């Protein structure tokens, strides 16, 4: 059984029950003419409904410190409309966010459906 005991910045997924099974590798035979086998994982029991509903659910609010800082910077900068992505990077850098972290945060922001983000700009989505 695969269970999650700790999850950073996301909701814990439902448990999965699996077993190891032997499978034949098509077209491969050993020196004696016997089929070559390998191990594979077979899911025995999973709450498929919970997995599907989580996949279809609206993205969760950002929970990490840097994600919140990046979101606040984007919200403040885009009050008047689209802004250059460089301005967002500068604002996050002034708050102590490393450059490598900024790219991870941008990916999180893209999931929120609050902004359109491309390689040059951040545009608020009006609702």
C-alpha atoms as a PDB file:
ATOM      1  CA  UNK A   1       0.000   0.000   0.000  1.00  0.00           C
ATOM      2  CA  UNK A   2       1.318   3.398  -0.986  1.00  0.00           C
ATOM      3  CA  UNK A   3       0.243   6.173   1.347  1.00  0.00           C
ATOM      4  CA  UNK A   4       1.343   9.735   1.728  1.00  0.00           C
ATOM      5  CA  UNK A   5       2.411  10.775   5.221  1.00  0.00           C
ATOM      6  CA  UNK A   6       3.606  14.274   4.376  1.00  0.00           C
ATOM      7  CA  UNK A   7       3.023  16.561   1.408  1.00  0.00           C
ATOM      8  CA  UNK A   8       4.571  19.973   0.787  1.00  0.00           C
ATOM      9  CA  UNK A   9       2.331  22.641  -0.723  1.00  0.00           C
ATOM     10  CA  UNK A  10      -0.388  20.249  -1.848  1.00  0.00           C
ATOM     11  CA  UNK A  11      -3.173  18.085  -0.525  1.00  0.00           C
ATOM     12  CA  UNK A  12      -2.318  14.480   0.339  1.00  0.00           C
ATOM     13  CA  UNK A  13      -3.307  12.026  -2.427  1.00  0.00           C
ATOM     14  CA  UNK A  14      -5.525   9.001  -1.686  1.00  0.00           C
ATOM     15  CA  UNK A  15      -3.762   5.694  -0.933  1.00  0.00           C
ATOM     16  CA  UNK A  16      -3.061   3.089  -3.622  1.00  0.00           C
ATOM     17  CA  UNK A  17      -2.848  -0.673  -3.164  1.00  0.00           C
ATOM     18  CA  UNK A  18      -0.463  -2.388  -5.568  1.00  0.00           C
ATOM     19  CA  UNK A  19       1.258  -5.702  -6.117  1.00  0.00           C
ATOM     20  CA  UNK A  20       4.349  -6.802  -7.977  1.00  0.00           C
ATOM     21  CA  UNK A  21       3.575  -9.122 -10.897  1.00  0.00           C
ATOM     22  CA  UNK A  22       5.709 -10.991 -13.419  1.00  0.00           C
ATOM     23  CA  UNK A  23       5.289 -10.031 -17.078  1.00  0.00           C
ATOM     24  CA  UNK A  24       6.770 -11.544 -20.223  1.00  0.00           C
ATOM     25  CA  UNK A  25       8.815  -9.253 -22.407  1.00  0.00           C
ATOM     26  CA  UNK A  26       7.530  -9.767 -25.959  1.00  0.00           C
ATOM     27  CA  UNK A  27      10.030 -11.112 -28.461  1.00  0.00           C
ATOM     28  CA  UNK A  28      12.773 -11.783 -25.885  1.00  0.00           C
ATOM     29  CA  UNK A  29      13.952 -15.301 -25.056  1.00  0.00           C
ATOM     30  CA  UNK A  30      16.781 -16.582 -22.872  1.00  0.00           C
ATOM     31  CA  UNK A  31      19.479 -19.058 -23.941  1.00  0.00           C
ATOM     32  CA  UNK A  32      17.074 -21.981 -23.324  1.00  0.00           C
ATOM     33  CA  UNK A  33      14.256 -20.555 -25.464  1.00  0.00           C
ATOM     34  CA  UNK A  34      12.161 -19.515 -22.474  1.00  0.00           C
ATOM     35  CA  UNK A  35      10.465 -16.094 -22.504  1.00  0.00           C
ATOM     36  CA  UNK A  36      12.282 -13.379 -20.570  1.00  0.00           C
ATOM     37  CA  UNK A  37      10.242 -11.910 -17.732  1.00  0.00           C
ATOM     38  CA  UNK A  38      10.430  -8.778 -15.660  1.00  0.00           C
ATOM     39  CA  UNK A  39       8.559  -7.223 -12.750  1.00  0.00           C
ATOM     40  CA  UNK A  40       5.754  -4.701 -13.095  1.00  0.00           C
ATOM     41  CA  UNK A  41       3.484  -2.916 -10.653  1.00  0.00           C
ATOM     42  CA  UNK A  42      -0.225  -3.640 -10.894  1.00  0.00           C
ATOM     43  CA  UNK A  43      -2.687  -1.346  -9.136  1.00  0.00           C
ATOM     44  CA  UNK A  44      -5.135  -3.488  -7.195  1.00  0.00           C
ATOM     45  CA  UNK A  45      -7.210  -0.876  -5.440  1.00  0.00           C
ATOM     46  CA  UNK A  46      -7.367   2.875  -5.848  1.00  0.00           C
ATOM     47  CA  UNK A  47     -10.020   5.438  -5.162  1.00  0.00           C
ATOM     48  CA  UNK A  48     -10.302   6.345  -8.832  1.00  0.00           C
ATOM     49  CA  UNK A  49     -13.172   8.736  -8.165  1.00  0.00           C
ATOM     50  CA  UNK A  50     -11.064  10.732  -5.696  1.00  0.00           C
ATOM     51  CA  UNK A  51      -8.102  10.810  -8.067  1.00  0.00           C
ATOM     52  CA  UNK A  52     -10.232  11.998 -10.988  1.00  0.00           C
ATOM     53  CA  UNK A  53     -12.053  14.623  -8.925  1.00  0.00           C
ATOM     54  CA  UNK A  54      -8.746  16.012  -7.629  1.00  0.00           C
ATOM     55  CA  UNK A  55      -7.417  16.194 -11.160  1.00  0.00           C
ATOM     56  CA  UNK A  56     -10.512  18.096 -12.308  1.00  0.00           C
ATOM     57  CA  UNK A  57     -10.700  20.325  -9.224  1.00  0.00           C
ATOM     58  CA  UNK A  58      -9.788  23.965  -9.343  1.00  0.00           C
ATOM     59  CA  UNK A  59      -6.133  24.487  -8.428  1.00  0.00           C
ATOM     60  CA  UNK A  60      -5.497  24.878  -4.714  1.00  0.00           C
ATOM     61  CA  UNK A  61      -4.385  28.225  -3.342  1.00  0.00           C
ATOM     62  CA  UNK A  62      -0.654  28.695  -3.213  1.00  0.00           C
ATOM     63  CA  UNK A  63       0.687  27.569   0.145  1.00  0.00           C
ATOM     64  CA  UNK A  64       4.449  28.027   0.017  1.00  0.00           C
ATOM     65  CA  UNK A  65       6.158  31.176   1.254  1.00  0.00           C
ATOM     66  CA  UNK A  66       7.708  32.008  -2.109  1.00  0.00           C
ATOM     67  CA  UNK A  67       4.535  31.194  -3.999  1.00  0.00           C
ATOM     68  CA  UNK A  68       2.606  33.649  -1.829  1.00  0.00           C
ATOM     69  CA  UNK A  69       5.276  36.321  -2.326  1.00  0.00           C
ATOM     70  CA  UNK A  70       5.246  35.756  -6.098  1.00  0.00           C
ATOM     71  CA  UNK A  71       1.454  35.938  -6.211  1.00  0.00           C
ATOM     72  CA  UNK A  72       1.381  39.158  -4.167  1.00  0.00           C
ATOM     73  CA  UNK A  73       4.000  40.716  -6.452  1.00  0.00           C
ATOM     74  CA  UNK A  74       2.018  39.732  -9.558  1.00  0.00           C
ATOM     75  CA  UNK A  75      -1.235  41.067  -8.101  1.00  0.00           C
ATOM     76  CA  UNK A  76       0.352  44.383  -7.104  1.00  0.00           C
ATOM     77  CA  UNK A  77       2.163  44.884 -10.390  1.00  0.00           C
ATOM     78  CA  UNK A  78      -0.793  44.022 -12.636  1.00  0.00           C
ATOM     79  CA  UNK A  79      -3.360  46.315 -10.987  1.00  0.00           C
ATOM     80  CA  UNK A  80      -3.122  48.655 -13.971  1.00  0.00           C
ATOM     81  CA  UNK A  81      -2.894  45.913 -16.575  1.00  0.00           C
ATOM     82  CA  UNK A  82      -0.178  43.767 -18.150  1.00  0.00           C
ATOM     83  CA  UNK A  83       3.425  44.201 -16.985  1.00  0.00           C
ATOM     84  CA  UNK A  84       6.797  43.103 -18.252  1.00  0.00           C
ATOM     85  CA  UNK A  85       7.931  39.808 -16.729  1.00  0.00           C
ATOM     86  CA  UNK A  86      11.264  41.464 -15.896  1.00  0.00           C
ATOM     87  CA  UNK A  87       9.408  43.773 -13.474  1.00  0.00           C
ATOM     88  CA  UNK A  88       7.983  40.754 -11.676  1.00  0.00           C
ATOM     89  CA  UNK A  89      11.445  39.134 -11.474  1.00  0.00           C
ATOM     90  CA  UNK A  90      12.857  42.385 -10.056  1.00  0.00           C
ATOM     91  CA  UNK A  91      10.093  42.670  -7.455  1.00  0.00           C
ATOM     92  CA  UNK A  92      10.572  39.063  -6.344  1.00  0.00           C
ATOM     93  CA  UNK A  93      14.353  39.472  -6.240  1.00  0.00           C
ATOM     94  CA  UNK A  94      13.971  42.519  -3.999  1.00  0.00           C
ATOM     95  CA  UNK A  95      11.968  40.322  -1.629  1.00  0.00           C
ATOM     96  CA  UNK A  96      14.834  37.806  -1.442  1.00  0.00           C
ATOM     97  CA  UNK A  97      13.594  35.187  -3.911  1.00  0.00           C
ATOM     98  CA  UNK A  98      16.342  33.330  -5.793  1.00  0.00           C
ATOM     99  CA  UNK A  99      16.180  33.318  -9.578  1.00  0.00           C
ATOM    100  CA  UNK A 100      15.755  29.524  -9.757  1.00  0.00           C
ATOM    101  CA  UNK A 101      12.836  29.710  -7.319  1.00  0.00           C
ATOM    102  CA  UNK A 102      11.139  32.400  -9.423  1.00  0.00           C
ATOM    103  CA  UNK A 103      10.754  30.013 -12.365  1.00  0.00           C
ATOM    104  CA  UNK A 104       9.132  27.383 -10.118  1.00  0.00           C
ATOM    105  CA  UNK A 105       6.785  30.029  -8.717  1.00  0.00           C
ATOM    106  CA  UNK A 106       5.849  31.168 -12.233  1.00  0.00           C
ATOM    107  CA  UNK A 107       4.771  27.609 -13.059  1.00  0.00           C
ATOM    108  CA  UNK A 108       2.543  27.634  -9.957  1.00  0.00           C
ATOM    109  CA  UNK A 109       1.050  30.991 -10.947  1.00  0.00           C
ATOM    110  CA  UNK A 110       0.158  29.619 -14.389  1.00  0.00           C
ATOM    111  CA  UNK A 111      -2.071  27.012 -12.730  1.00  0.00           C
ATOM    112  CA  UNK A 112      -4.185  29.590 -10.887  1.00  0.00           C
ATOM    113  CA  UNK A 113      -6.066  30.951 -13.903  1.00  0.00           C
ATOM    114  CA  UNK A 114      -5.588  34.503 -12.564  1.00  0.00           C
ATOM    115  CA  UNK A 115      -2.879  35.485 -15.027  1.00  0.00           C
ATOM    116  CA  UNK A 116      -1.786  34.846 -18.583  1.00  0.00           C
ATOM    117  CA  UNK A 117       1.975  34.416 -18.440  1.00  0.00           C
ATOM    118  CA  UNK A 118       4.274  34.146 -21.431  1.00  0.00           C
ATOM    119  CA  UNK A 119       8.005  34.699 -21.854  1.00  0.00           C
ATOM    120  CA  UNK A 120       7.607  38.506 -21.808  1.00  0.00           C
ATOM    121  CA  UNK A 121       4.528  39.549 -19.831  1.00  0.00           C
ATOM    122  CA  UNK A 122       2.135  38.861 -17.007  1.00  0.00           C
ATOM    123  CA  UNK A 123      -1.438  39.813 -17.859  1.00  0.00           C
ATOM    124  CA  UNK A 124      -4.270  39.729 -15.322  1.00  0.00           C
ATOM    125  CA  UNK A 125      -7.347  37.819 -16.413  1.00  0.00           C
ATOM    126  CA  UNK A 126     -10.399  40.002 -15.896  1.00  0.00           C
ATOM    127  CA  UNK A 127     -13.420  38.235 -14.492  1.00  0.00           C
END
